PDB file of N, CA and C in Angstrom:
ATOM      1  N   UNK A   1      -5.269  -1.335 -13.540  1.00  0.00           N
ATOM      2  CA  UNK A   1      -6.127  -2.097 -14.413  1.00  0.00           C
ATOM      3  C   UNK A   1      -7.380  -1.281 -14.668  1.00  0.00           C
ATOM      4  N   UNK A   2      -7.668  -1.050 -15.897  1.00  0.00           N
ATOM      5  CA  UNK A   2      -8.857  -0.285 -16.246  1.00  0.00           C
ATOM      6  C   UNK A   2      -9.924  -1.214 -16.812  1.00  0.00           C
ATOM      7  N   UNK A   3     -11.192  -0.796 -16.684  1.00  0.00           N
ATOM      8  CA  UNK A   3     -12.319  -1.615 -17.118  1.00  0.00           C
ATOM      9  C   UNK A   3     -12.155  -2.084 -18.548  1.00  0.00           C
ATOM     10  N   UNK A   4     -11.873  -1.186 -19.473  1.00  0.00           N
ATOM     11  CA  UNK A   4     -11.771  -1.548 -20.875  1.00  0.00           C
ATOM     12  C   UNK A   4     -10.655  -2.530 -21.178  1.00  0.00           C
ATOM     13  N   UNK A   5      -9.565  -2.478 -20.420  1.00  0.00           N
ATOM     14  CA  UNK A   5      -8.436  -3.369 -20.651  1.00  0.00           C
ATOM     15  C   UNK A   5      -8.780  -4.819 -20.321  1.00  0.00           C
ATOM     16  N   UNK A   6      -9.729  -5.031 -19.444  1.00  0.00           N
ATOM     17  CA  UNK A   6     -10.084  -6.377 -19.042  1.00  0.00           C
ATOM     18  C   UNK A   6     -11.334  -6.888 -19.735  1.00  0.00           C
ATOM     19  N   UNK A   7     -11.963  -6.082 -20.555  1.00  0.00           N
ATOM     20  CA  UNK A   7     -13.153  -6.496 -21.259  1.00  0.00           C
ATOM     21  C   UNK A   7     -14.391  -6.543 -20.388  1.00  0.00           C
ATOM     22  N   UNK A   8     -14.388  -5.876 -19.246  1.00  0.00           N
ATOM     23  CA  UNK A   8     -15.541  -5.851 -18.356  1.00  0.00           C
ATOM     24  C   UNK A   8     -16.547  -4.825 -18.857  1.00  0.00           C
ATOM     25  N   UNK A   9     -17.824  -5.161 -18.709  1.00  0.00           N
ATOM     26  CA  UNK A   9     -18.886  -4.257 -19.132  1.00  0.00           C
ATOM     27  C   UNK A   9     -19.122  -3.129 -18.143  1.00  0.00           C
ATOM     28  N   UNK A  10     -18.710  -3.318 -16.896  1.00  0.00           N
ATOM     29  CA  UNK A  10     -18.936  -2.313 -15.856  1.00  0.00           C
ATOM     30  C   UNK A  10     -17.885  -2.481 -14.769  1.00  0.00           C
ATOM     31  N   UNK A  11     -17.796  -1.479 -13.898  1.00  0.00           N
ATOM     32  CA  UNK A  11     -16.854  -1.595 -12.781  1.00  0.00           C
ATOM     33  C   UNK A  11     -17.294  -2.694 -11.824  1.00  0.00           C
ATOM     34  N   UNK A  12     -18.596  -2.943 -11.728  1.00  0.00           N
ATOM     35  CA  UNK A  12     -19.087  -4.016 -10.860  1.00  0.00           C
ATOM     36  C   UNK A  12     -18.609  -5.384 -11.373  1.00  0.00           C
ATOM     37  N   UNK A  13     -18.707  -5.568 -12.671  1.00  0.00           N
ATOM     38  CA  UNK A  13     -18.230  -6.819 -13.274  1.00  0.00           C
ATOM     39  C   UNK A  13     -16.726  -6.963 -13.090  1.00  0.00           C
ATOM     40  N   UNK A  14     -16.006  -5.868 -13.267  1.00  0.00           N
ATOM     41  CA  UNK A  14     -14.564  -5.884 -13.056  1.00  0.00           C
ATOM     42  C   UNK A  14     -14.239  -6.282 -11.621  1.00  0.00           C
ATOM     43  N   UNK A  15     -14.990  -5.732 -10.657  1.00  0.00           N
ATOM     44  CA  UNK A  15     -14.761  -6.072  -9.252  1.00  0.00           C
ATOM     45  C   UNK A  15     -14.968  -7.546  -8.972  1.00  0.00           C
ATOM     46  N   UNK A  16     -15.999  -8.130  -9.555  1.00  0.00           N
ATOM     47  CA  UNK A  16     -16.262  -9.558  -9.368  1.00  0.00           C
ATOM     48  C   UNK A  16     -15.150 -10.383 -10.013  1.00  0.00           C
ATOM     49  N   UNK A  17     -14.749 -10.022 -11.217  1.00  0.00           N
ATOM     50  CA  UNK A  17     -13.707 -10.773 -11.926  1.00  0.00           C
ATOM     51  C   UNK A  17     -12.381 -10.759 -11.171  1.00  0.00           C
ATOM     52  N   UNK A  18     -11.996  -9.609 -10.671  1.00  0.00           N
ATOM     53  CA  UNK A  18     -10.748  -9.503  -9.916  1.00  0.00           C
ATOM     54  C   UNK A  18     -10.822 -10.369  -8.662  1.00  0.00           C
ATOM     55  N   UNK A  19     -11.974 -10.365  -8.001  1.00  0.00           N
ATOM     56  CA  UNK A  19     -12.137 -11.185  -6.803  1.00  0.00           C
ATOM     57  C   UNK A  19     -12.048 -12.673  -7.078  1.00  0.00           C
ATOM     58  N   UNK A  20     -12.403 -13.082  -8.275  1.00  0.00           N
ATOM     59  CA  UNK A  20     -12.379 -14.506  -8.635  1.00  0.00           C
ATOM     60  C   UNK A  20     -10.985 -14.998  -9.003  1.00  0.00           C
ATOM     61  N   UNK A  21     -10.008 -14.124  -9.076  1.00  0.00           N
ATOM     62  CA  UNK A  21      -8.652 -14.546  -9.438  1.00  0.00           C
ATOM     63  C   UNK A  21      -7.980 -15.347  -8.329  1.00  0.00           C
ATOM     64  N   UNK A  22      -8.451 -15.192  -7.104  1.00  0.00           N
ATOM     65  CA  UNK A  22      -7.872 -15.960  -6.002  1.00  0.00           C
ATOM     66  C   UNK A  22      -6.655 -15.328  -5.359  1.00  0.00           C
ATOM     67  N   UNK A  23      -6.467 -14.054  -5.576  1.00  0.00           N
ATOM     68  CA  UNK A  23      -5.332 -13.332  -4.996  1.00  0.00           C
ATOM     69  C   UNK A  23      -5.836 -12.138  -4.208  1.00  0.00           C
ATOM     70  N   UNK A  24      -5.053 -11.717  -3.213  1.00  0.00           N
ATOM     71  CA  UNK A  24      -5.364 -10.473  -2.518  1.00  0.00           C
ATOM     72  C   UNK A  24      -5.135  -9.316  -3.483  1.00  0.00           C
ATOM     73  N   UNK A  25      -5.881  -8.248  -3.310  1.00  0.00           N
ATOM     74  CA  UNK A  25      -5.727  -7.093  -4.178  1.00  0.00           C
ATOM     75  C   UNK A  25      -6.148  -5.838  -3.427  1.00  0.00           C
ATOM     76  N   UNK A  26      -5.701  -4.701  -3.908  1.00  0.00           N
ATOM     77  CA  UNK A  26      -6.055  -3.391  -3.363  1.00  0.00           C
ATOM     78  C   UNK A  26      -6.800  -2.611  -4.430  1.00  0.00           C
ATOM     79  N   UNK A  27      -7.878  -1.981  -4.045  1.00  0.00           N
ATOM     80  CA  UNK A  27      -8.636  -1.133  -4.964  1.00  0.00           C
ATOM     81  C   UNK A  27      -8.277   0.315  -4.657  1.00  0.00           C
ATOM     82  N   UNK A  28      -7.759   1.016  -5.643  1.00  0.00           N
ATOM     83  CA  UNK A  28      -7.394   2.425  -5.459  1.00  0.00           C
ATOM     84  C   UNK A  28      -8.240   3.344  -6.323  1.00  0.00           C
ATOM     85  N   UNK A  29      -9.042   2.803  -7.182  1.00  0.00           N
ATOM     86  CA  UNK A  29      -9.917   3.608  -8.023  1.00  0.00           C
ATOM     87  C   UNK A  29     -10.400   2.769  -9.175  1.00  0.00           C
ATOM     88  N   UNK A  30     -11.269   3.248  -9.945  1.00  0.00           N
ATOM     89  CA  UNK A  30     -11.910   4.554  -9.901  1.00  0.00           C
ATOM     90  C   UNK A  30     -12.868   4.658  -8.714  1.00  0.00           C
ATOM     91  N   UNK A  31     -13.285   5.875  -8.393  1.00  0.00           N
ATOM     92  CA  UNK A  31     -14.125   6.080  -7.206  1.00  0.00           C
ATOM     93  C   UNK A  31     -15.374   5.200  -7.184  1.00  0.00           C
ATOM     94  N   UNK A  32     -15.994   4.957  -8.343  1.00  0.00           N
ATOM     95  CA  UNK A  32     -17.215   4.156  -8.348  1.00  0.00           C
ATOM     96  C   UNK A  32     -16.945   2.678  -8.044  1.00  0.00           C
ATOM     97  N   UNK A  33     -15.686   2.251  -8.116  1.00  0.00           N
ATOM     98  CA  UNK A  33     -15.351   0.867  -7.780  1.00  0.00           C
ATOM     99  C   UNK A  33     -14.999   0.697  -6.308  1.00  0.00           C
ATOM    100  N   UNK A  34     -14.685   1.766  -5.625  1.00  0.00           N
ATOM    101  CA  UNK A  34     -14.210   1.659  -4.249  1.00  0.00           C
ATOM    102  C   UNK A  34     -15.228   1.040  -3.294  1.00  0.00           C
ATOM    103  N   UNK A  35     -16.504   1.301  -3.477  1.00  0.00           N
ATOM    104  CA  UNK A  35     -17.505   0.758  -2.555  1.00  0.00           C
ATOM    105  C   UNK A  35     -17.969  -0.644  -2.935  1.00  0.00           C
ATOM    106  N   UNK A  36     -17.792  -1.033  -4.177  1.00  0.00           N
ATOM    107  CA  UNK A  36     -18.311  -2.321  -4.636  1.00  0.00           C
ATOM    108  C   UNK A  36     -17.736  -3.520  -3.876  1.00  0.00           C
ATOM    109  N   UNK A  37     -16.415  -3.620  -3.660  1.00  0.00           N
ATOM    110  CA  UNK A  37     -15.896  -4.766  -2.902  1.00  0.00           C
ATOM    111  C   UNK A  37     -16.445  -4.839  -1.465  1.00  0.00           C
ATOM    112  N   UNK A  38     -16.675  -3.697  -0.844  1.00  0.00           N
ATOM    113  CA  UNK A  38     -17.255  -3.698   0.506  1.00  0.00           C
ATOM    114  C   UNK A  38     -18.678  -4.249   0.491  1.00  0.00           C
ATOM    115  N   UNK A  39     -19.445  -3.836  -0.514  1.00  0.00           N
ATOM    116  CA  UNK A  39     -20.814  -4.340  -0.638  1.00  0.00           C
ATOM    117  C   UNK A  39     -20.822  -5.845  -0.864  1.00  0.00           C
ATOM    118  N   UNK A  40     -19.928  -6.330  -1.722  1.00  0.00           N
ATOM    119  CA  UNK A  40     -19.845  -7.769  -1.962  1.00  0.00           C
ATOM    120  C   UNK A  40     -19.413  -8.515  -0.707  1.00  0.00           C
ATOM    121  N   UNK A  41     -18.443  -7.969   0.003  1.00  0.00           N
ATOM    122  CA  UNK A  41     -17.971  -8.621   1.230  1.00  0.00           C
ATOM    123  C   UNK A  41     -19.108  -8.761   2.240  1.00  0.00           C
ATOM    124  N   UNK A  42     -19.891  -7.710   2.407  1.00  0.00           N
ATOM    125  CA  UNK A  42     -21.032  -7.769   3.316  1.00  0.00           C
ATOM    126  C   UNK A  42     -22.063  -8.786   2.859  1.00  0.00           C
ATOM    127  N   UNK A  43     -22.328  -8.838   1.576  1.00  0.00           N
ATOM    128  CA  UNK A  43     -23.303  -9.787   1.029  1.00  0.00           C
ATOM    129  C   UNK A  43     -22.838 -11.225   1.255  1.00  0.00           C
ATOM    130  N   UNK A  44     -21.561 -11.489   0.973  1.00  0.00           N
ATOM    131  CA  UNK A  44     -21.035 -12.840   1.191  1.00  0.00           C
ATOM    132  C   UNK A  44     -21.029 -13.201   2.674  1.00  0.00           C
ATOM    133  N   UNK A  45     -20.665 -12.262   3.527  1.00  0.00           N
ATOM    134  CA  UNK A  45     -20.653 -12.523   4.970  1.00  0.00           C
ATOM    135  C   UNK A  45     -22.057 -12.847   5.477  1.00  0.00           C
ATOM    136  N   UNK A  46     -23.054 -12.139   5.003  1.00  0.00           N
ATOM    137  CA  UNK A  46     -24.440 -12.396   5.439  1.00  0.00           C
ATOM    138  C   UNK A  46     -24.956 -13.730   4.922  1.00  0.00           C
ATOM    139  N   UNK A  47     -24.408 -14.207   3.811  1.00  0.00           N
ATOM    140  CA  UNK A  47     -24.893 -15.467   3.242  1.00  0.00           C
ATOM    141  C   UNK A  47     -24.346 -16.682   3.967  1.00  0.00           C
ATOM    142  N   UNK A  48     -23.324 -16.470   4.798  1.00  0.00           N
ATOM    143  CA  UNK A  48     -22.706 -17.580   5.521  1.00  0.00           C
ATOM    144  C   UNK A  48     -22.641 -17.219   7.007  1.00  0.00           C
ATOM    145  N   UNK A  49     -23.790 -17.273   7.705  1.00  0.00           N
ATOM    146  CA  UNK A  49     -23.804 -16.890   9.112  1.00  0.00           C
ATOM    147  C   UNK A  49     -22.913 -17.791   9.962  1.00  0.00           C
ATOM    148  N   UNK A  50     -22.338 -17.194  10.984  1.00  0.00           N
ATOM    149  CA  UNK A  50     -21.504 -17.966  11.922  1.00  0.00           C
ATOM    150  C   UNK A  50     -22.388 -18.909  12.712  1.00  0.00           C
ATOM    151  N   UNK A  51     -21.846 -20.060  12.985  1.00  0.00           N
ATOM    152  CA  UNK A  51     -22.626 -21.057  13.749  1.00  0.00           C
ATOM    153  C   UNK A  51     -22.280 -20.993  15.211  1.00  0.00           C
TER     154      UNK A  51
END
């Protein structure tokens, strides 16, 4: 899946959109997208501290 095919303005937007589909997925590229899901995962984890 490429950015232009999905109508995303950026790889960051593409990463968010794919995550909202509700399915597991693997990111294999492009290189600038590889770190984005990790950053989002950390941000979401920090927003919901364990009790």
